[in-house]
């Protein structure tokens, strides 16, 4: 193992001790002695960690923890301070990104077919293993992404899940060239996916309950921005539902033109009301889910983000206020992406 100096002996982490509503205090700050990286692993000093709605689902119990006292966070930007045996792709001092997909079996029929996001033995950062709401984080080198050395860490962090998942959701929506896209909900993932669609020539209509998010959507180039339950000004070829609100599924399906596709991007969704076949699905409308991502999705999106100069709207929080960041996310008070950064004192 190769190591760098200045690694804290007992770094801080945030752990989900008792899942429940944010006002019950499910997230607790703890100190833990850091583990050395095992074979194939990187130890990262965290420079920034994005706050994803999946972290909120974990904290509030919508997503059952895989083990007690889980450290959330899977949009990790960090500097390598130690590498485990066999690591040749990263060295001490390199910047690396740890993302949601943490490991797959590599041998099942899904992995062999390039669909590792469906691997039944897949594992995830901040759910199966501790994540980046911490001073230090361990990341498998095979599932880490090399990141630009000189870009702002807080602006890079949301790309690692919000960006990658939004990119996969956009592709799952089967948006045709020059098509009309509806985006329901406009948080971290949606505001990045919208920029990809706009760069590729789509007309984008945003539907969200947040007035600030509607302003952001229009500033990025959306053709319209209305309330989540409004009808867009024209029929849609494709739509992506980012809000975890099942009531919006029939609303979005009704907004689709013939042969349109709705992709549901979240890992958690409240119950979907009954659908009427004629109103919601007839005329070959499709309803699709989105499950995690592949590493190829990540590589494609990060390269695309660099080419189009994607703008990341960030609301930063010091790491010591991770609980406040999740509370604000639960109340829809975050504009763009919430990102944890090291405390300045």
Protein backbone atom coordinates (compact mmCIF):
# COMPACT_ATOMS: atom_id res chain seq x y z
CA UNK A 1 0.00 0.00 0.00
CA UNK A 2 1.25 3.48 -0.95
CA UNK A 3 0.23 6.33 1.34
CA UNK A 4 0.41 10.09 1.69
CA UNK A 5 0.77 12.08 4.89
CA UNK A 6 -1.69 14.27 6.79
CA UNK A 7 -4.40 11.64 7.14
CA UNK A 8 -6.49 12.29 10.29
CA UNK A 9 -6.33 9.53 12.88
CA UNK A 10 -10.06 9.69 13.71
CA UNK A 11 -11.85 11.51 10.90
CA UNK A 12 -15.47 12.61 11.10
CA UNK A 13 -18.31 10.84 9.34
CA UNK A 14 -22.09 11.17 9.28
CA UNK A 15 -24.02 7.94 9.84
CA UNK A 16 -27.69 7.00 9.60
CA UNK A 17 -28.34 5.63 13.08
CA UNK A 18 -32.17 5.56 13.26
CA UNK A 19 -33.88 6.08 9.88
CA UNK A 20 -36.85 8.42 10.06
CA UNK A 21 -38.05 11.92 9.11
CA UNK A 22 -35.29 14.50 9.18
CA UNK A 23 -36.83 16.28 12.16
CA UNK A 24 -36.19 13.11 14.22
CA UNK A 25 -32.42 13.37 13.72
CA UNK A 26 -31.62 10.19 11.76
CA UNK A 27 -28.17 11.46 10.78
CA UNK A 28 -25.52 11.52 13.54
CA UNK A 29 -21.94 12.78 13.37
CA UNK A 30 -19.40 10.20 14.56
CA UNK A 31 -15.65 9.61 14.61
CA UNK A 32 -14.22 6.42 13.19
CA UNK A 33 -10.68 5.18 12.82
CA UNK A 34 -10.07 4.92 9.06
CA UNK A 35 -9.57 1.54 7.46
CA UNK A 36 -6.58 1.05 5.17
CA UNK A 37 -7.49 0.43 1.53
CA UNK A 38 -7.75 -3.23 0.67
CA UNK A 39 -6.66 -4.82 -2.60
CA UNK A 40 -7.97 -2.78 -5.53
CA UNK A 41 -9.15 0.12 -3.35
CA UNK A 42 -8.39 3.83 -3.09
CA UNK A 43 -8.50 5.92 0.05
CA UNK A 44 -9.74 9.42 -0.80
CA UNK A 45 -9.53 12.61 1.21
CA UNK A 46 -12.96 14.02 0.42
CA UNK A 47 -12.89 17.41 -1.32
CA UNK A 48 -16.63 17.46 -1.99
CA UNK A 49 -19.61 15.10 -1.80
CA UNK A 50 -22.90 15.77 -3.54
CA UNK A 51 -26.14 15.28 -1.62
CA UNK A 52 -28.52 13.07 -3.58
CA UNK A 53 -32.20 12.38 -3.00
CA UNK A 54 -31.20 8.73 -2.54
CA UNK A 55 -29.27 9.82 0.57
CA UNK A 56 -32.48 11.38 1.84
CA UNK A 57 -34.43 8.19 1.10
CA UNK A 58 -31.82 6.25 3.11
CA UNK A 59 -31.92 8.67 6.04
CA UNK A 60 -35.71 8.75 6.19
CA UNK A 61 -36.17 5.01 5.79
CA UNK A 62 -37.72 4.91 2.31
CA UNK A 63 -34.65 2.92 1.31
CA UNK A 64 -33.87 0.26 3.91
CA UNK A 65 -30.23 0.40 5.11
CA UNK A 66 -28.13 -2.58 4.10
CA UNK A 67 -26.18 -2.45 7.38
CA UNK A 68 -26.35 -0.50 10.65
CA UNK A 69 -24.86 2.99 10.95
CA UNK A 70 -24.41 3.54 7.21
CA UNK A 71 -22.43 6.57 6.00
CA UNK A 72 -24.34 8.04 3.02
CA UNK A 73 -22.89 9.85 0.03
CA UNK A 74 -22.06 8.60 -3.45
CA UNK A 75 -21.00 11.69 -5.40
CA UNK A 76 -17.47 11.76 -4.02
CA UNK A 77 -14.65 13.94 -5.30
CA UNK A 78 -11.37 13.35 -3.53
CA UNK A 79 -7.60 13.18 -3.63
CA UNK A 80 -5.99 9.77 -3.38
CA UNK A 81 -4.08 9.48 -0.12
CA UNK A 82 -3.45 5.72 -0.25
CA UNK A 83 -3.81 2.89 -2.75
CA UNK A 84 -4.31 -0.79 -2.07
CA UNK A 85 -2.47 -3.73 -3.54
CA UNK A 86 -2.83 -4.12 -7.30
CA UNK A 87 -3.99 -0.57 -8.08
CA UNK A 88 -2.22 0.76 -11.18
CA UNK A 89 -4.79 3.21 -12.58
CA UNK A 90 -4.47 5.83 -9.81
CA UNK A 91 -1.62 7.13 -7.73
CA UNK A 92 -1.31 9.18 -4.56
CA UNK A 93 -2.27 12.79 -5.27
CA UNK A 94 -4.57 11.98 -8.20
CA UNK A 95 -8.13 13.22 -8.14
CA UNK A 96 -10.75 10.50 -8.38
CA UNK A 97 -14.52 10.25 -8.24
CA UNK A 98 -16.55 7.66 -6.39
CA UNK A 99 -20.08 7.10 -7.68
CA UNK A 100 -23.24 5.15 -6.84
CA UNK A 101 -22.34 1.89 -8.62
CA UNK A 102 -19.58 0.37 -6.51
CA UNK A 103 -19.24 -3.19 -7.74
CA UNK A 104 -20.73 -5.95 -9.87
CA UNK A 105 -20.04 -9.65 -10.28
CA UNK A 106 -18.70 -9.25 -13.82
CA UNK A 107 -19.83 -12.73 -14.81
CA UNK A 108 -23.64 -12.81 -14.90
CA UNK A 109 -25.56 -12.52 -18.17
CA UNK A 110 -26.28 -8.84 -17.52
CA UNK A 111 -22.64 -7.97 -16.92
CA UNK A 112 -21.54 -9.94 -19.97
CA UNK A 113 -24.12 -8.11 -22.10
CA UNK A 114 -22.94 -4.65 -21.02
CA UNK A 115 -25.93 -4.18 -18.69
CA UNK A 116 -24.05 -4.28 -15.39
CA UNK A 117 -26.61 -1.88 -13.88
CA UNK A 118 -28.93 -4.92 -13.68
CA UNK A 119 -26.39 -7.24 -12.04
CA UNK A 120 -28.21 -9.08 -9.22
CA UNK A 121 -25.04 -8.93 -7.11
CA UNK A 122 -24.32 -5.24 -7.66
CA UNK A 123 -23.34 -3.13 -4.65
CA UNK A 124 -23.63 0.61 -4.05
CA UNK A 125 -21.67 3.37 -2.37
CA UNK A 126 -23.39 4.85 0.67
CA UNK A 127 -25.78 1.91 0.91
CA UNK A 128 -23.88 -1.39 0.87
CA UNK A 129 -20.63 0.27 1.94
CA UNK A 130 -19.89 3.60 3.60
CA UNK A 131 -19.87 6.65 1.38
CA UNK A 132 -18.64 10.21 1.22
CA UNK A 133 -20.39 12.08 4.05
CA UNK A 134 -17.00 11.87 5.69
CA UNK A 135 -13.47 13.25 5.75
CA UNK A 136 -12.13 10.04 4.16
CA UNK A 137 -13.75 7.44 1.91
CA UNK A 138 -12.74 4.09 0.42
CA UNK A 139 -13.58 3.56 -3.27
CA UNK A 140 -12.84 0.55 -5.54
CA UNK A 141 -10.40 1.73 -8.21
CA UNK A 142 -12.20 -0.27 -10.92
CA UNK A 143 -15.37 1.75 -10.32
CA UNK A 144 -13.72 5.15 -9.78
CA UNK A 145 -13.54 7.88 -12.42
CA UNK A 146 -10.47 10.02 -13.14
CA UNK A 147 -11.44 13.67 -12.77
CA UNK A 148 -9.88 16.95 -13.92
CA UNK A 149 -7.20 18.04 -11.49
CA UNK A 150 -7.93 21.77 -11.65
CA UNK A 151 -11.74 22.10 -11.72
CA UNK A 152 -13.84 23.13 -8.74
CA UNK A 153 -14.55 20.01 -6.68
CA UNK A 154 -18.04 21.13 -5.63
CA UNK A 155 -19.07 21.54 -9.28
CA UNK A 156 -17.72 18.12 -10.20
CA UNK A 157 -19.46 16.19 -7.42
CA UNK A 158 -23.06 16.29 -8.78
CA UNK A 159 -21.88 14.93 -12.11
CA UNK A 160 -21.07 11.60 -10.45
CA UNK A 161 -24.67 10.57 -9.78
CA UNK A 162 -27.12 13.35 -10.60
CA UNK A 163 -25.40 13.79 -13.93
CA UNK A 164 -24.83 10.14 -14.78
CA UNK A 165 -28.32 8.99 -13.76
CA UNK A 166 -29.90 11.95 -15.53
CA UNK A 167 -27.97 11.03 -18.66
CA UNK A 168 -29.17 7.41 -18.50
CA UNK A 169 -32.75 8.56 -17.84
CA UNK A 170 -32.56 10.84 -20.87
CA UNK A 171 -31.40 7.96 -23.05
CA UNK A 172 -34.14 5.71 -21.61
CA UNK A 173 -36.72 8.32 -22.60
CA UNK A 174 -35.92 7.65 -26.28
CA UNK A 175 -35.85 11.37 -27.08
CA UNK A 176 -35.75 11.72 -30.88
CA UNK A 177 -33.44 14.18 -32.60
CA UNK A 178 -34.91 17.66 -32.24
CA UNK A 179 -37.67 16.25 -30.05
CA UNK A 180 -39.92 17.77 -27.40
CA UNK A 181 -38.90 16.76 -23.87
CA UNK A 182 -40.84 17.21 -20.65
CA UNK A 183 -38.95 17.21 -17.35
CA UNK A 184 -40.97 16.70 -14.16
CA UNK A 185 -39.11 17.94 -11.09
CA UNK A 186 -36.06 20.14 -11.51
CA UNK A 187 -33.38 19.42 -8.96
CA UNK A 188 -29.77 18.29 -9.20
CA UNK A 189 -30.22 15.57 -11.81
CA UNK A 190 -32.85 17.31 -13.91
CA UNK A 191 -30.95 20.56 -14.38
CA UNK A 192 -27.99 18.61 -15.77
CA UNK A 193 -30.05 16.33 -18.03
CA UNK A 194 -31.85 19.38 -19.41
CA UNK A 195 -28.55 20.87 -20.56
CA UNK A 196 -27.61 17.67 -22.37
CA UNK A 197 -30.99 17.64 -24.14
CA UNK A 198 -30.71 21.33 -25.08
CA UNK A 199 -27.16 20.84 -26.39
CA UNK A 200 -28.49 18.05 -28.60
CA UNK A 201 -31.20 20.26 -30.09
CA UNK A 202 -34.27 19.33 -28.05
CA UNK A 203 -37.07 21.65 -26.98
CA UNK A 204 -37.36 21.33 -23.21
CA UNK A 205 -40.45 21.99 -21.08
CA UNK A 206 -39.99 21.90 -17.30
CA UNK A 207 -42.81 21.10 -14.86
CA UNK A 208 -41.99 21.63 -11.18
CA UNK A 209 -43.62 23.05 -8.06
CA UNK A 210 -40.59 25.18 -7.15
CA UNK A 211 -40.66 28.77 -8.42
CA UNK A 212 -36.87 29.05 -8.02
CA UNK A 213 -36.40 25.87 -10.04
CA UNK A 214 -38.64 27.26 -12.79
CA UNK A 215 -36.48 30.38 -12.93
CA UNK A 216 -33.35 28.23 -13.17
CA UNK A 217 -34.90 26.15 -15.96
CA UNK A 218 -35.70 29.23 -18.03
CA UNK A 219 -32.22 30.67 -17.44
CA UNK A 220 -30.70 27.46 -18.83
CA UNK A 221 -32.78 27.64 -22.00
CA UNK A 222 -36.01 25.76 -21.32
CA UNK A 223 -38.81 26.77 -23.69
CA UNK A 224 -41.34 26.84 -20.83
CA UNK A 225 -41.56 26.22 -17.10
CA UNK A 226 -44.82 25.49 -15.32
CA UNK A 227 -46.20 23.85 -12.21
CA UNK A 228 -45.70 20.10 -11.86
CA UNK A 229 -49.35 19.34 -12.67
CA UNK A 230 -49.66 21.78 -15.57
CA UNK A 231 -50.06 20.59 -19.14
CA UNK A 232 -47.02 21.58 -21.25
CA UNK A 233 -47.73 23.96 -24.15
CA UNK A 234 -47.29 21.21 -26.76
CA UNK A 235 -47.43 17.38 -26.86
CA UNK A 236 -44.21 15.69 -25.74
CA UNK A 237 -42.14 13.12 -27.59
CA UNK A 238 -40.43 12.08 -24.37
CA UNK A 239 -40.55 12.84 -20.67
CA UNK A 240 -38.42 12.13 -17.61
CA UNK A 241 -39.92 12.03 -14.13
CA UNK A 242 -37.29 13.06 -11.59
CA UNK A 243 -39.68 13.94 -8.75
CA UNK A 244 -40.36 10.85 -6.57
CA UNK A 245 -44.10 11.43 -6.87
CA UNK A 246 -46.19 8.60 -8.29
CA UNK A 247 -49.17 10.92 -8.82
CA UNK A 248 -47.21 12.54 -11.65
CA UNK A 249 -46.95 9.35 -13.71
CA UNK A 250 -50.44 9.60 -15.24
CA UNK A 251 -49.99 13.37 -15.60
CA UNK A 252 -46.81 12.90 -17.62
CA UNK A 253 -48.26 10.04 -19.68
CA UNK A 254 -51.23 12.20 -20.67
CA UNK A 255 -48.82 14.89 -21.86
CA UNK A 256 -47.10 12.49 -24.29
CA UNK A 257 -47.82 12.50 -27.99
CA UNK A 258 -48.44 9.21 -29.78
CA UNK A 259 -45.51 6.77 -29.39
CA UNK A 260 -44.01 8.93 -26.64
CA UNK A 261 -41.93 7.51 -23.78
CA UNK A 262 -41.87 8.37 -20.07
CA UNK A 263 -38.76 7.35 -18.10
CA UNK A 264 -38.95 7.32 -14.29
CA UNK A 265 -35.53 8.21 -12.95
CA UNK A 266 -35.66 7.63 -9.19
CA UNK A 267 -34.79 4.65 -7.02
CA UNK A 268 -37.90 5.36 -4.92
CA UNK A 269 -41.36 6.45 -6.06
CA UNK A 270 -44.58 6.90 -4.12
CA UNK A 271 -47.49 4.75 -5.27
CA UNK A 272 -48.74 5.26 -8.81
CA UNK A 273 -52.51 5.81 -9.13
CA UNK A 274 -54.55 3.54 -11.38
CA UNK A 275 -53.83 4.10 -15.06
CA UNK A 276 -56.49 4.22 -17.74
CA UNK A 277 -55.34 2.28 -20.77
CA UNK A 278 -56.98 4.59 -23.33
CA UNK A 279 -55.85 7.86 -21.73
CA UNK A 280 -52.38 6.90 -20.58
CA UNK A 281 -50.92 4.00 -22.60
CA UNK A 282 -52.83 3.54 -25.84
CA UNK A 283 -51.24 4.73 -29.11
CA UNK A 284 -47.99 3.01 -28.15
CA UNK A 285 -46.96 5.21 -25.27
CA UNK A 286 -44.21 3.59 -23.20
CA UNK A 287 -43.49 3.71 -19.45
CA UNK A 288 -39.93 2.81 -18.46
CA UNK A 289 -37.96 2.64 -15.24
CA UNK A 290 -34.31 3.58 -14.80
CA UNK A 291 -32.08 1.35 -12.68
CA UNK A 292 -28.68 2.64 -11.61
CA UNK A 293 -26.13 3.07 -14.41
CA UNK A 294 -23.24 1.36 -16.09
CA UNK A 295 -19.66 2.58 -15.99
CA UNK A 296 -19.97 3.22 -19.72
CA UNK A 297 -22.81 5.64 -18.95
CA UNK A 298 -20.46 7.42 -16.57
CA UNK A 299 -17.61 7.65 -19.04
CA UNK A 300 -19.90 8.90 -21.82
CA UNK A 301 -21.57 11.50 -19.64
CA UNK A 302 -18.38 12.89 -18.09
CA UNK A 303 -16.83 13.25 -21.54
CA UNK A 304 -19.99 14.93 -22.85
CA UNK A 305 -20.18 17.28 -19.86
CA UNK A 306 -16.65 18.44 -20.60
CA UNK A 307 -17.41 19.00 -24.28
CA UNK A 308 -20.58 21.04 -23.82
CA UNK A 309 -19.34 22.95 -20.76
CA UNK A 310 -22.24 21.88 -18.59
CA UNK A 311 -23.18 24.40 -15.90
CA UNK A 312 -23.64 22.96 -12.41
CA UNK A 313 -25.76 25.04 -10.05
CA UNK A 314 -24.46 24.28 -6.55
CA UNK A 315 -25.69 25.09 -3.06
CA UNK A 316 -22.66 24.37 -0.83
CA UNK A 317 -22.85 23.24 2.80
CA UNK A 318 -19.93 22.63 5.17
CA UNK A 319 -19.51 18.94 5.97
CA UNK A 320 -20.48 19.69 9.57
CA UNK A 321 -23.97 20.68 8.34
CA UNK A 322 -24.82 17.57 6.33
CA UNK A 323 -27.98 17.12 8.38
CA UNK A 324 -29.13 20.61 7.38
CA UNK A 325 -28.41 19.86 3.72
CA UNK A 326 -30.70 16.81 3.84
CA UNK A 327 -33.35 18.75 5.75
CA UNK A 328 -33.32 21.47 3.09
CA UNK A 329 -33.46 18.86 0.32
CA UNK A 330 -36.50 17.26 1.96
CA UNK A 331 -38.22 20.67 2.04
CA UNK A 332 -37.28 21.53 -1.58
CA UNK A 333 -35.18 24.47 -0.42
CA UNK A 334 -32.12 23.52 -2.50
CA UNK A 335 -31.58 25.25 -5.83
CA UNK A 336 -29.68 22.94 -8.18
CA UNK A 337 -27.45 20.49 -6.27
CA UNK A 338 -26.53 20.50 -2.60
CA UNK A 339 -22.86 19.69 -2.08
CA UNK A 340 -20.90 19.08 1.11
CA UNK A 341 -17.43 20.63 1.28
CA UNK A 342 -14.78 20.49 4.03
CA UNK A 343 -15.24 22.92 6.89
CA UNK A 344 -12.97 25.94 6.68
CA UNK A 345 -12.11 25.85 10.39
